């Protein structure tokens, strides 16, 4: 179970034992537990140490909290990116200038870069 981070929203010790009995495999766990709804098994690889460091430092109470915080940060980042891309698209669509044909753009780029 060294390479697996196991967490469950309700932190069920029976689920941990089931995972350990089945060699830490996702499939074995699903068979034993009937694919519990709130169970997630993640192979963090080299990120595992960083999760453990955050828990040891006291910044987070558990690996669950670290993973939740990471997912929330990812959602915020994706929302910001989507908002920025939507704004760019709206600005481009609202631009009253006529479109420039792709052929002209490529011709100008070839002239600048010599290809």
C-alpha atoms as a PDB file:
ATOM      1  CA  UNK A   1       0.000   0.000   0.000  1.00  0.00           C
ATOM      2  CA  UNK A   2       3.092   2.242  -0.089  1.00  0.00           C
ATOM      3  CA  UNK A   3       2.309   3.809  -3.449  1.00  0.00           C
ATOM      4  CA  UNK A   4      -1.378   4.323  -2.872  1.00  0.00           C
ATOM      5  CA  UNK A   5      -3.066   7.111  -1.040  1.00  0.00           C
ATOM      6  CA  UNK A   6      -6.422   5.929   0.137  1.00  0.00           C
ATOM      7  CA  UNK A   7      -9.038   8.267   1.408  1.00  0.00           C
ATOM      8  CA  UNK A   8     -12.754   8.125   1.929  1.00  0.00           C
ATOM      9  CA  UNK A   9     -14.941  11.048   2.824  1.00  0.00           C
ATOM     10  CA  UNK A  10     -16.166   9.295   5.964  1.00  0.00           C
ATOM     11  CA  UNK A  11     -12.751   7.660   6.638  1.00  0.00           C
ATOM     12  CA  UNK A  12     -14.032   4.117   7.048  1.00  0.00           C
ATOM     13  CA  UNK A  13     -11.377   1.820   8.634  1.00  0.00           C
ATOM     14  CA  UNK A  14     -13.105  -1.222   7.088  1.00  0.00           C
ATOM     15  CA  UNK A  15     -12.436   0.239   3.648  1.00  0.00           C
ATOM     16  CA  UNK A  16      -8.747   0.675   4.502  1.00  0.00           C
ATOM     17  CA  UNK A  17      -8.475  -2.953   5.596  1.00  0.00           C
ATOM     18  CA  UNK A  18     -10.268  -4.105   2.439  1.00  0.00           C
ATOM     19  CA  UNK A  19      -7.825  -2.150   0.297  1.00  0.00           C
ATOM     20  CA  UNK A  20      -4.842  -3.611   2.150  1.00  0.00           C
ATOM     21  CA  UNK A  21      -6.196  -7.185   1.881  1.00  0.00           C
ATOM     22  CA  UNK A  22      -6.523  -6.810  -1.868  1.00  0.00           C
ATOM     23  CA  UNK A  23      -2.970  -5.645  -2.426  1.00  0.00           C
ATOM     24  CA  UNK A  24      -3.952  -2.010  -2.883  1.00  0.00           C
ATOM     25  CA  UNK A  25      -5.696  -2.585  -6.207  1.00  0.00           C
ATOM     26  CA  UNK A  26      -8.678  -0.553  -7.260  1.00  0.00           C
ATOM     27  CA  UNK A  27     -10.465  -3.542  -8.789  1.00  0.00           C
ATOM     28  CA  UNK A  28     -10.017  -5.674  -5.681  1.00  0.00           C
ATOM     29  CA  UNK A  29     -11.376  -2.890  -3.554  1.00  0.00           C
ATOM     30  CA  UNK A  30     -14.420  -2.430  -5.780  1.00  0.00           C
ATOM     31  CA  UNK A  31     -15.218  -6.130  -5.589  1.00  0.00           C
ATOM     32  CA  UNK A  32     -14.864  -6.207  -1.788  1.00  0.00           C
ATOM     33  CA  UNK A  33     -16.741  -2.984  -1.082  1.00  0.00           C
ATOM     34  CA  UNK A  34     -19.279  -3.035  -3.874  1.00  0.00           C
ATOM     35  CA  UNK A  35     -17.747   0.136  -5.333  1.00  0.00           C
ATOM     36  CA  UNK A  36     -18.565   2.425  -2.396  1.00  0.00           C
ATOM     37  CA  UNK A  37     -19.787   5.785  -3.606  1.00  0.00           C
ATOM     38  CA  UNK A  38     -17.383   8.038  -1.676  1.00  0.00           C
ATOM     39  CA  UNK A  39     -14.247   5.936  -2.134  1.00  0.00           C
ATOM     40  CA  UNK A  40     -11.348   7.182  -4.198  1.00  0.00           C
ATOM     41  CA  UNK A  41      -7.944   5.553  -4.624  1.00  0.00           C
ATOM     42  CA  UNK A  42      -5.196   7.708  -6.089  1.00  0.00           C
ATOM     43  CA  UNK A  43      -1.611   6.910  -7.083  1.00  0.00           C
ATOM     44  CA  UNK A  44       0.146  10.167  -6.261  1.00  0.00           C
ATOM     45  CA  UNK A  45       3.594   8.983  -7.252  1.00  0.00           C
ATOM     46  CA  UNK A  46       6.146  11.682  -6.405  1.00  0.00           C
ATOM     47  CA  UNK A  47       3.428  14.025  -5.101  1.00  0.00           C
ATOM     48  CA  UNK A  48       2.748  11.738  -2.136  1.00  0.00           C
ATOM     49  CA  UNK A  49       5.696  13.164  -0.195  1.00  0.00           C
ATOM     50  CA  UNK A  50       4.403  16.704  -0.702  1.00  0.00           C
ATOM     51  CA  UNK A  51       0.987  15.693   0.647  1.00  0.00           C
ATOM     52  CA  UNK A  52       2.607  14.096   3.697  1.00  0.00           C
ATOM     53  CA  UNK A  53       4.750  17.209   4.287  1.00  0.00           C
ATOM     54  CA  UNK A  54       1.662  19.415   4.339  1.00  0.00           C
ATOM     55  CA  UNK A  55      -0.040  17.144   6.855  1.00  0.00           C
ATOM     56  CA  UNK A  56       3.112  16.934   9.035  1.00  0.00           C
ATOM     57  CA  UNK A  57       3.505  20.712   9.037  1.00  0.00           C
ATOM     58  CA  UNK A  58       0.014  21.066  10.463  1.00  0.00           C
ATOM     59  CA  UNK A  59      -1.287  23.040   7.487  1.00  0.00           C
ATOM     60  CA  UNK A  60      -3.827  20.269   6.894  1.00  0.00           C
ATOM     61  CA  UNK A  61      -5.321  17.700   9.243  1.00  0.00           C
ATOM     62  CA  UNK A  62      -5.291  14.856   6.725  1.00  0.00           C
ATOM     63  CA  UNK A  63      -4.440  13.823   3.193  1.00  0.00           C
ATOM     64  CA  UNK A  64      -8.165  14.197   2.431  1.00  0.00           C
ATOM     65  CA  UNK A  65      -7.953  17.908   3.171  1.00  0.00           C
ATOM     66  CA  UNK A  66      -4.853  18.348   0.999  1.00  0.00           C
ATOM     67  CA  UNK A  67      -6.530  16.646  -1.960  1.00  0.00           C
ATOM     68  CA  UNK A  68      -9.773  18.612  -1.468  1.00  0.00           C
ATOM     69  CA  UNK A  69      -7.831  21.888  -1.317  1.00  0.00           C
ATOM     70  CA  UNK A  70      -5.952  20.942  -4.481  1.00  0.00           C
ATOM     71  CA  UNK A  71      -9.172  20.159  -6.339  1.00  0.00           C
ATOM     72  CA  UNK A  72     -10.784  23.399  -5.195  1.00  0.00           C
ATOM     73  CA  UNK A  73      -7.719  25.348  -6.360  1.00  0.00           C
ATOM     74  CA  UNK A  74      -7.881  23.584  -9.725  1.00  0.00           C
ATOM     75  CA  UNK A  75     -11.570  24.456 -10.071  1.00  0.00           C
ATOM     76  CA  UNK A  76     -10.818  28.123  -9.324  1.00  0.00           C
ATOM     77  CA  UNK A  77      -7.983  28.154 -11.855  1.00  0.00           C
ATOM     78  CA  UNK A  78     -10.143  26.529 -14.530  1.00  0.00           C
ATOM     79  CA  UNK A  79     -12.992  28.964 -13.851  1.00  0.00           C
ATOM     80  CA  UNK A  80     -10.611  31.931 -14.168  1.00  0.00           C
ATOM     81  CA  UNK A  81      -9.166  30.545 -17.410  1.00  0.00           C
ATOM     82  CA  UNK A  82     -12.626  29.910 -18.856  1.00  0.00           C
ATOM     83  CA  UNK A  83     -13.728  33.428 -17.916  1.00  0.00           C
ATOM     84  CA  UNK A  84     -10.610  34.905 -19.576  1.00  0.00           C
ATOM     85  CA  UNK A  85     -11.096  32.830 -22.758  1.00  0.00           C
ATOM     86  CA  UNK A  86     -14.785  33.745 -22.922  1.00  0.00           C
ATOM     87  CA  UNK A  87     -13.882  37.425 -22.583  1.00  0.00           C
ATOM     88  CA  UNK A  88     -11.295  37.135 -25.390  1.00  0.00           C
ATOM     89  CA  UNK A  89     -13.805  35.401 -27.659  1.00  0.00           C
ATOM     90  CA  UNK A  90     -16.485  38.016 -26.946  1.00  0.00           C
ATOM     91  CA  UNK A  91     -14.026  40.836 -27.661  1.00  0.00           C
ATOM     92  CA  UNK A  92     -12.958  39.196 -30.914  1.00  0.00           C
ATOM     93  CA  UNK A  93     -16.555  38.700 -32.016  1.00  0.00           C
ATOM     94  CA  UNK A  94     -17.449  42.294 -31.118  1.00  0.00           C
ATOM     95  CA  UNK A  95     -14.467  43.726 -33.036  1.00  0.00           C
ATOM     96  CA  UNK A  96     -15.939  45.803 -35.915  1.00  0.00           C
ATOM     97  CA  UNK A  97     -12.805  45.526 -38.081  1.00  0.00           C
ATOM     98  CA  UNK A  98     -13.052  43.189 -41.082  1.00  0.00           C
ATOM     99  CA  UNK A  99     -11.492  39.741 -40.820  1.00  0.00           C
ATOM    100  CA  UNK A 100      -8.087  39.231 -42.406  1.00  0.00           C
ATOM    101  CA  UNK A 101      -7.875  36.183 -44.688  1.00  0.00           C
ATOM    102  CA  UNK A 102      -5.548  33.428 -43.423  1.00  0.00           C
ATOM    103  CA  UNK A 103      -3.669  33.429 -46.750  1.00  0.00           C
ATOM    104  CA  UNK A 104      -2.691  37.060 -46.226  1.00  0.00           C
ATOM    105  CA  UNK A 105      -1.525  36.398 -42.667  1.00  0.00           C
ATOM    106  CA  UNK A 106       0.627  33.442 -43.758  1.00  0.00           C
ATOM    107  CA  UNK A 107       2.066  35.447 -46.646  1.00  0.00           C
ATOM    108  CA  UNK A 108       3.086  38.222 -44.227  1.00  0.00           C
ATOM    109  CA  UNK A 109       4.568  35.730 -41.759  1.00  0.00           C
ATOM    110  CA  UNK A 110       6.614  34.051 -44.513  1.00  0.00           C
ATOM    111  CA  UNK A 111       7.906  37.463 -45.610  1.00  0.00           C
ATOM    112  CA  UNK A 112       8.964  38.306 -42.049  1.00  0.00           C
ATOM    113  CA  UNK A 113      10.500  34.932 -41.224  1.00  0.00           C
ATOM    114  CA  UNK A 114      11.877  34.142 -44.678  1.00  0.00           C
ATOM    115  CA  UNK A 115      10.178  30.841 -45.384  1.00  0.00           C
END
